[in-house]
């Protein structure tokens, strides 16, 4: 009996290892899609381009995987983000937002990410002749990030400037901040934002 148990032990161990490997395979494919697809096909078909990957890691939690969000809390980006390039205030605004300006990416990668947001997710909302963000522009704007502003009030003013400059945005961009809370009004000194 003892010899039989020892004899079967290597087979049992092999089955355990095989079971564990099969169990972990789907997780490995999710975590390392580039390597798994590359190994099978010899190409990088499953790899996310870096701007898309940075969007998924830094933005999608609030703005949704494809730019759709909970509209009452967070603006949609899909078919709308490009409208912000209609006015200089709008162009600056989306980089100066704290969640954008303080993201842990070098300025070139942040420029690529924001160009993805504006030109890919924004699609038809981009005004004719709009130029992509450069690393130098992003670097300058993130140094002037918002910190002592009422973002609701400021966004309201920026969206109004965008709506004035881009009639196509009317009815698509939501004007947030129409009911500012008392703290935000107090932060603004009781006045509308100026820039």
C-alpha atoms as a PDB file:
ATOM      1  CA  UNK A   1       0.000   0.000   0.000  1.00  0.00           C
ATOM      2  CA  UNK A   2       2.797   2.416   0.940  1.00  0.00           C
ATOM      3  CA  UNK A   3       4.607   1.774  -2.369  1.00  0.00           C
ATOM      4  CA  UNK A   4       1.405   2.364  -4.310  1.00  0.00           C
ATOM      5  CA  UNK A   5       0.870   5.778  -2.665  1.00  0.00           C
ATOM      6  CA  UNK A   6       4.436   6.887  -3.390  1.00  0.00           C
ATOM      7  CA  UNK A   7       4.144   5.672  -6.954  1.00  0.00           C
ATOM      8  CA  UNK A   8       0.942   7.747  -7.536  1.00  0.00           C
ATOM      9  CA  UNK A   9       2.306  10.924  -5.882  1.00  0.00           C
ATOM     10  CA  UNK A  10       4.187  12.280  -8.962  1.00  0.00           C
ATOM     11  CA  UNK A  11       1.077  11.841 -11.108  1.00  0.00           C
ATOM     12  CA  UNK A  12      -1.029  13.685  -8.532  1.00  0.00           C
ATOM     13  CA  UNK A  13       1.540  16.505  -8.316  1.00  0.00           C
ATOM     14  CA  UNK A  14       1.600  16.826 -12.113  1.00  0.00           C
ATOM     15  CA  UNK A  15      -2.193  17.082 -12.169  1.00  0.00           C
ATOM     16  CA  UNK A  16      -2.088  19.786  -9.494  1.00  0.00           C
ATOM     17  CA  UNK A  17       0.434  21.837 -11.469  1.00  0.00           C
ATOM     18  CA  UNK A  18      -1.535  21.382 -14.692  1.00  0.00           C
ATOM     19  CA  UNK A  19      -4.815  22.358 -12.992  1.00  0.00           C
ATOM     20  CA  UNK A  20      -3.234  25.463 -11.509  1.00  0.00           C
ATOM     21  CA  UNK A  21      -1.748  26.483 -14.869  1.00  0.00           C
ATOM     22  CA  UNK A  22      -5.106  26.066 -16.634  1.00  0.00           C
ATOM     23  CA  UNK A  23      -6.845  28.004 -13.862  1.00  0.00           C
ATOM     24  CA  UNK A  24      -4.354  30.917 -14.138  1.00  0.00           C
ATOM     25  CA  UNK A  25      -4.289  31.091 -17.965  1.00  0.00           C
ATOM     26  CA  UNK A  26      -7.344  33.387 -18.365  1.00  0.00           C
ATOM     27  CA  UNK A  27      -5.933  35.779 -15.755  1.00  0.00           C
ATOM     28  CA  UNK A  28      -2.544  35.839 -17.481  1.00  0.00           C
ATOM     29  CA  UNK A  29      -4.222  36.668 -20.793  1.00  0.00           C
ATOM     30  CA  UNK A  30      -6.119  39.576 -19.186  1.00  0.00           C
ATOM     31  CA  UNK A  31      -3.039  40.971 -17.453  1.00  0.00           C
ATOM     32  CA  UNK A  32      -0.569  40.407 -20.303  1.00  0.00           C
ATOM     33  CA  UNK A  33      -2.664  40.631 -23.520  1.00  0.00           C
ATOM     34  CA  UNK A  34       0.249  41.767 -25.690  1.00  0.00           C
ATOM     35  CA  UNK A  35       2.462  38.869 -24.762  1.00  0.00           C
ATOM     36  CA  UNK A  36      -0.244  36.231 -25.136  1.00  0.00           C
ATOM     37  CA  UNK A  37      -1.446  37.452 -28.529  1.00  0.00           C
ATOM     38  CA  UNK A  38       2.110  37.991 -29.705  1.00  0.00           C
ATOM     39  CA  UNK A  39       3.044  34.458 -28.716  1.00  0.00           C
ATOM     40  CA  UNK A  40       0.121  32.991 -30.665  1.00  0.00           C
ATOM     41  CA  UNK A  41       0.172  35.107 -33.821  1.00  0.00           C
ATOM     42  CA  UNK A  42       3.588  36.744 -33.968  1.00  0.00           C
ATOM     43  CA  UNK A  43       1.904  40.191 -34.033  1.00  0.00           C
ATOM     44  CA  UNK A  44       0.789  42.711 -31.397  1.00  0.00           C
ATOM     45  CA  UNK A  45      -2.920  42.581 -32.318  1.00  0.00           C
ATOM     46  CA  UNK A  46      -4.159  42.569 -28.726  1.00  0.00           C
ATOM     47  CA  UNK A  47      -1.936  45.322 -27.342  1.00  0.00           C
ATOM     48  CA  UNK A  48      -3.502  48.642 -26.415  1.00  0.00           C
ATOM     49  CA  UNK A  49      -1.713  51.645 -27.855  1.00  0.00           C
ATOM     50  CA  UNK A  50      -0.135  53.647 -24.986  1.00  0.00           C
ATOM     51  CA  UNK A  51      -2.630  56.574 -25.110  1.00  0.00           C
ATOM     52  CA  UNK A  52      -5.584  54.161 -24.914  1.00  0.00           C
ATOM     53  CA  UNK A  53      -3.909  52.224 -22.092  1.00  0.00           C
ATOM     54  CA  UNK A  54      -3.251  55.452 -20.150  1.00  0.00           C
ATOM     55  CA  UNK A  55      -6.892  56.441 -20.702  1.00  0.00           C
ATOM     56  CA  UNK A  56      -8.099  53.094 -19.359  1.00  0.00           C
ATOM     57  CA  UNK A  57      -5.833  53.322 -16.317  1.00  0.00           C
ATOM     58  CA  UNK A  58      -6.372  57.002 -15.460  1.00  0.00           C
ATOM     59  CA  UNK A  59      -9.694  58.183 -16.894  1.00  0.00           C
ATOM     60  CA  UNK A  60     -12.077  55.317 -17.647  1.00  0.00           C
ATOM     61  CA  UNK A  61     -13.082  54.822 -14.014  1.00  0.00           C
ATOM     62  CA  UNK A  62     -15.076  58.064 -14.140  1.00  0.00           C
ATOM     63  CA  UNK A  63     -15.519  58.767 -17.866  1.00  0.00           C
ATOM     64  CA  UNK A  64     -16.277  55.171 -18.924  1.00  0.00           C
ATOM     65  CA  UNK A  65     -14.359  52.750 -21.126  1.00  0.00           C
ATOM     66  CA  UNK A  66     -15.559  54.416 -24.321  1.00  0.00           C
ATOM     67  CA  UNK A  67     -16.172  57.951 -23.042  1.00  0.00           C
ATOM     68  CA  UNK A  68     -19.712  57.437 -21.686  1.00  0.00           C
ATOM     69  CA  UNK A  69     -20.201  58.417 -18.054  1.00  0.00           C
ATOM     70  CA  UNK A  70     -22.869  59.149 -15.499  1.00  0.00           C
ATOM     71  CA  UNK A  71     -23.850  62.454 -17.104  1.00  0.00           C
ATOM     72  CA  UNK A  72     -25.261  63.985 -13.941  1.00  0.00           C
ATOM     73  CA  UNK A  73     -21.857  63.715 -12.225  1.00  0.00           C
ATOM     74  CA  UNK A  74     -19.142  63.485 -14.870  1.00  0.00           C
ATOM     75  CA  UNK A  75     -19.131  64.838 -18.428  1.00  0.00           C
ATOM     76  CA  UNK A  76     -19.269  62.459 -21.377  1.00  0.00           C
ATOM     77  CA  UNK A  77     -16.181  62.597 -23.588  1.00  0.00           C
ATOM     78  CA  UNK A  78     -17.490  60.644 -26.575  1.00  0.00           C
ATOM     79  CA  UNK A  79     -18.359  63.033 -29.428  1.00  0.00           C
ATOM     80  CA  UNK A  80     -17.971  66.002 -27.043  1.00  0.00           C
ATOM     81  CA  UNK A  81     -14.374  66.408 -25.828  1.00  0.00           C
ATOM     82  CA  UNK A  82     -13.299  68.110 -29.061  1.00  0.00           C
ATOM     83  CA  UNK A  83     -15.654  71.029 -28.461  1.00  0.00           C
ATOM     84  CA  UNK A  84     -13.256  72.310 -25.799  1.00  0.00           C
ATOM     85  CA  UNK A  85     -10.779  73.154 -28.559  1.00  0.00           C
ATOM     86  CA  UNK A  86     -13.241  75.748 -29.903  1.00  0.00           C
ATOM     87  CA  UNK A  87     -12.014  78.364 -27.448  1.00  0.00           C
ATOM     88  CA  UNK A  88      -8.602  79.071 -25.904  1.00  0.00           C
ATOM     89  CA  UNK A  89     -10.198  78.874 -22.427  1.00  0.00           C
ATOM     90  CA  UNK A  90     -11.640  75.439 -23.194  1.00  0.00           C
ATOM     91  CA  UNK A  91      -8.348  74.158 -24.602  1.00  0.00           C
ATOM     92  CA  UNK A  92      -6.472  75.269 -21.481  1.00  0.00           C
ATOM     93  CA  UNK A  93      -9.210  74.134 -19.095  1.00  0.00           C
ATOM     94  CA  UNK A  94      -9.092  70.420 -19.871  1.00  0.00           C
ATOM     95  CA  UNK A  95      -5.345  70.236 -19.210  1.00  0.00           C
ATOM     96  CA  UNK A  96      -5.450  72.384 -16.061  1.00  0.00           C
ATOM     97  CA  UNK A  97      -8.025  70.147 -14.343  1.00  0.00           C
ATOM     98  CA  UNK A  98      -6.368  68.566 -11.275  1.00  0.00           C
ATOM     99  CA  UNK A  99      -7.159  64.989 -12.366  1.00  0.00           C
ATOM    100  CA  UNK A 100      -5.398  65.703 -15.656  1.00  0.00           C
ATOM    101  CA  UNK A 101      -2.583  68.037 -14.596  1.00  0.00           C
ATOM    102  CA  UNK A 102      -1.457  65.843 -11.689  1.00  0.00           C
ATOM    103  CA  UNK A 103      -1.591  62.466 -13.457  1.00  0.00           C
ATOM    104  CA  UNK A 104       1.681  60.572 -13.002  1.00  0.00           C
ATOM    105  CA  UNK A 105       2.765  60.734 -16.645  1.00  0.00           C
ATOM    106  CA  UNK A 106       5.486  62.732 -18.396  1.00  0.00           C
ATOM    107  CA  UNK A 107       4.119  65.698 -20.373  1.00  0.00           C
ATOM    108  CA  UNK A 108       4.597  63.971 -23.755  1.00  0.00           C
ATOM    109  CA  UNK A 109       2.552  60.953 -22.645  1.00  0.00           C
ATOM    110  CA  UNK A 110      -0.097  63.249 -21.160  1.00  0.00           C
ATOM    111  CA  UNK A 111      -0.236  65.177 -24.450  1.00  0.00           C
ATOM    112  CA  UNK A 112      -0.703  61.858 -26.300  1.00  0.00           C
ATOM    113  CA  UNK A 113      -3.417  60.834 -23.821  1.00  0.00           C
ATOM    114  CA  UNK A 114      -5.290  64.120 -24.191  1.00  0.00           C
ATOM    115  CA  UNK A 115      -4.977  63.999 -27.983  1.00  0.00           C
ATOM    116  CA  UNK A 116      -6.554  60.523 -27.783  1.00  0.00           C
ATOM    117  CA  UNK A 117      -9.380  61.918 -25.626  1.00  0.00           C
ATOM    118  CA  UNK A 118      -9.989  64.932 -27.853  1.00  0.00           C
ATOM    119  CA  UNK A 119      -9.395  63.576 -31.355  1.00  0.00           C
ATOM    120  CA  UNK A 120     -10.363  59.889 -30.956  1.00  0.00           C
ATOM    121  CA  UNK A 121     -13.114  59.967 -28.339  1.00  0.00           C
ATOM    122  CA  UNK A 122     -14.152  63.502 -29.307  1.00  0.00           C
ATOM    123  CA  UNK A 123     -14.476  62.453 -32.967  1.00  0.00           C
ATOM    124  CA  UNK A 124     -16.719  64.866 -34.874  1.00  0.00           C
ATOM    125  CA  UNK A 125     -16.766  67.457 -32.091  1.00  0.00           C
ATOM    126  CA  UNK A 126     -13.230  68.634 -32.950  1.00  0.00           C
ATOM    127  CA  UNK A 127     -13.316  72.007 -34.724  1.00  0.00           C
ATOM    128  CA  UNK A 128     -11.733  72.285 -38.155  1.00  0.00           C
ATOM    129  CA  UNK A 129      -8.054  73.171 -37.968  1.00  0.00           C
ATOM    130  CA  UNK A 130      -7.638  72.220 -34.300  1.00  0.00           C
ATOM    131  CA  UNK A 131      -4.043  71.371 -33.474  1.00  0.00           C
ATOM    132  CA  UNK A 132      -2.958  68.487 -31.246  1.00  0.00           C
ATOM    133  CA  UNK A 133      -1.494  69.206 -27.835  1.00  0.00           C
ATOM    134  CA  UNK A 134       2.288  69.274 -27.649  1.00  0.00           C
ATOM    135  CA  UNK A 135       4.436  68.225 -24.702  1.00  0.00           C
ATOM    136  CA  UNK A 136       5.599  71.836 -24.219  1.00  0.00           C
ATOM    137  CA  UNK A 137       2.023  73.160 -24.144  1.00  0.00           C
ATOM    138  CA  UNK A 138       0.912  70.488 -21.684  1.00  0.00           C
ATOM    139  CA  UNK A 139       3.966  71.090 -19.503  1.00  0.00           C
ATOM    140  CA  UNK A 140       3.154  74.819 -19.334  1.00  0.00           C
ATOM    141  CA  UNK A 141      -0.554  74.289 -18.612  1.00  0.00           C
ATOM    142  CA  UNK A 142      -0.059  71.696 -15.896  1.00  0.00           C
ATOM    143  CA  UNK A 143       2.186  74.161 -14.037  1.00  0.00           C
ATOM    144  CA  UNK A 144      -0.889  76.410 -13.831  1.00  0.00           C
ATOM    145  CA  UNK A 145      -3.276  73.689 -12.641  1.00  0.00           C
ATOM    146  CA  UNK A 146      -6.430  74.647 -10.787  1.00  0.00           C
ATOM    147  CA  UNK A 147      -6.214  74.577  -7.024  1.00  0.00           C
ATOM    148  CA  UNK A 148      -8.069  77.531  -5.495  1.00  0.00           C
ATOM    149  CA  UNK A 149     -10.933  77.656  -7.949  1.00  0.00           C
ATOM    150  CA  UNK A 150     -14.544  76.698  -7.888  1.00  0.00           C
ATOM    151  CA  UNK A 151     -14.309  74.142 -10.666  1.00  0.00           C
ATOM    152  CA  UNK A 152     -18.067  74.026 -11.102  1.00  0.00           C
ATOM    153  CA  UNK A 153     -18.284  77.782 -11.590  1.00  0.00           C
ATOM    154  CA  UNK A 154     -15.188  77.906 -13.778  1.00  0.00           C
ATOM    155  CA  UNK A 155     -16.388  75.010 -15.932  1.00  0.00           C
ATOM    156  CA  UNK A 156     -19.731  76.755 -16.357  1.00  0.00           C
ATOM    157  CA  UNK A 157     -17.963  79.871 -17.666  1.00  0.00           C
ATOM    158  CA  UNK A 158     -15.708  77.804 -19.945  1.00  0.00           C
ATOM    159  CA  UNK A 159     -18.621  75.801 -21.349  1.00  0.00           C
ATOM    160  CA  UNK A 160     -20.505  79.035 -22.015  1.00  0.00           C
ATOM    161  CA  UNK A 161     -17.466  80.355 -23.952  1.00  0.00           C
ATOM    162  CA  UNK A 162     -17.271  77.066 -25.896  1.00  0.00           C
ATOM    163  CA  UNK A 163     -21.005  77.172 -26.693  1.00  0.00           C
ATOM    164  CA  UNK A 164     -20.594  80.747 -27.943  1.00  0.00           C
ATOM    165  CA  UNK A 165     -17.588  79.798 -30.132  1.00  0.00           C
ATOM    166  CA  UNK A 166     -19.008  76.425 -31.311  1.00  0.00           C
ATOM    167  CA  UNK A 167     -22.735  76.467 -32.062  1.00  0.00           C
ATOM    168  CA  UNK A 168     -22.513  72.714 -32.838  1.00  0.00           C
ATOM    169  CA  UNK A 169     -21.884  72.127 -29.115  1.00  0.00           C
ATOM    170  CA  UNK A 170     -25.251  73.592 -28.088  1.00  0.00           C
ATOM    171  CA  UNK A 171     -27.448  70.817 -26.746  1.00  0.00           C
ATOM    172  CA  UNK A 172     -24.511  68.405 -26.512  1.00  0.00           C
ATOM    173  CA  UNK A 173     -22.294  69.872 -23.803  1.00  0.00           C
ATOM    174  CA  UNK A 174     -24.013  69.902 -20.465  1.00  0.00           C
ATOM    175  CA  UNK A 175     -23.737  73.079 -18.410  1.00  0.00           C
ATOM    176  CA  UNK A 176     -22.825  71.865 -14.932  1.00  0.00           C
ATOM    177  CA  UNK A 177     -22.777  74.060 -11.870  1.00  0.00           C
ATOM    178  CA  UNK A 178     -26.043  75.916 -12.312  1.00  0.00           C
ATOM    179  CA  UNK A 179     -26.848  75.174  -8.676  1.00  0.00           C
ATOM    180  CA  UNK A 180     -23.553  75.888  -6.930  1.00  0.00           C
ATOM    181  CA  UNK A 181     -23.390  75.019  -3.270  1.00  0.00           C
ATOM    182  CA  UNK A 182     -22.704  77.710  -0.666  1.00  0.00           C
ATOM    183  CA  UNK A 183     -19.081  76.667  -0.152  1.00  0.00           C
ATOM    184  CA  UNK A 184     -18.271  77.110  -3.828  1.00  0.00           C
ATOM    185  CA  UNK A 185     -19.967  80.501  -3.949  1.00  0.00           C
ATOM    186  CA  UNK A 186     -18.009  81.514  -0.839  1.00  0.00           C
ATOM    187  CA  UNK A 187     -14.746  80.324  -2.461  1.00  0.00           C
ATOM    188  CA  UNK A 188     -15.450  82.654  -5.363  1.00  0.00           C
ATOM    189  CA  UNK A 189     -16.074  85.568  -3.009  1.00  0.00           C
ATOM    190  CA  UNK A 190     -19.729  85.510  -3.994  1.00  0.00           C
ATOM    191  CA  UNK A 191     -18.867  86.443  -7.606  1.00  0.00           C
ATOM    192  CA  UNK A 192     -18.729  84.700 -10.940  1.00  0.00           C
ATOM    193  CA  UNK A 193     -15.342  83.439 -12.046  1.00  0.00           C
ATOM    194  CA  UNK A 194     -13.137  85.743 -14.052  1.00  0.00           C
ATOM    195  CA  UNK A 195     -10.282  84.827 -16.350  1.00  0.00           C
END
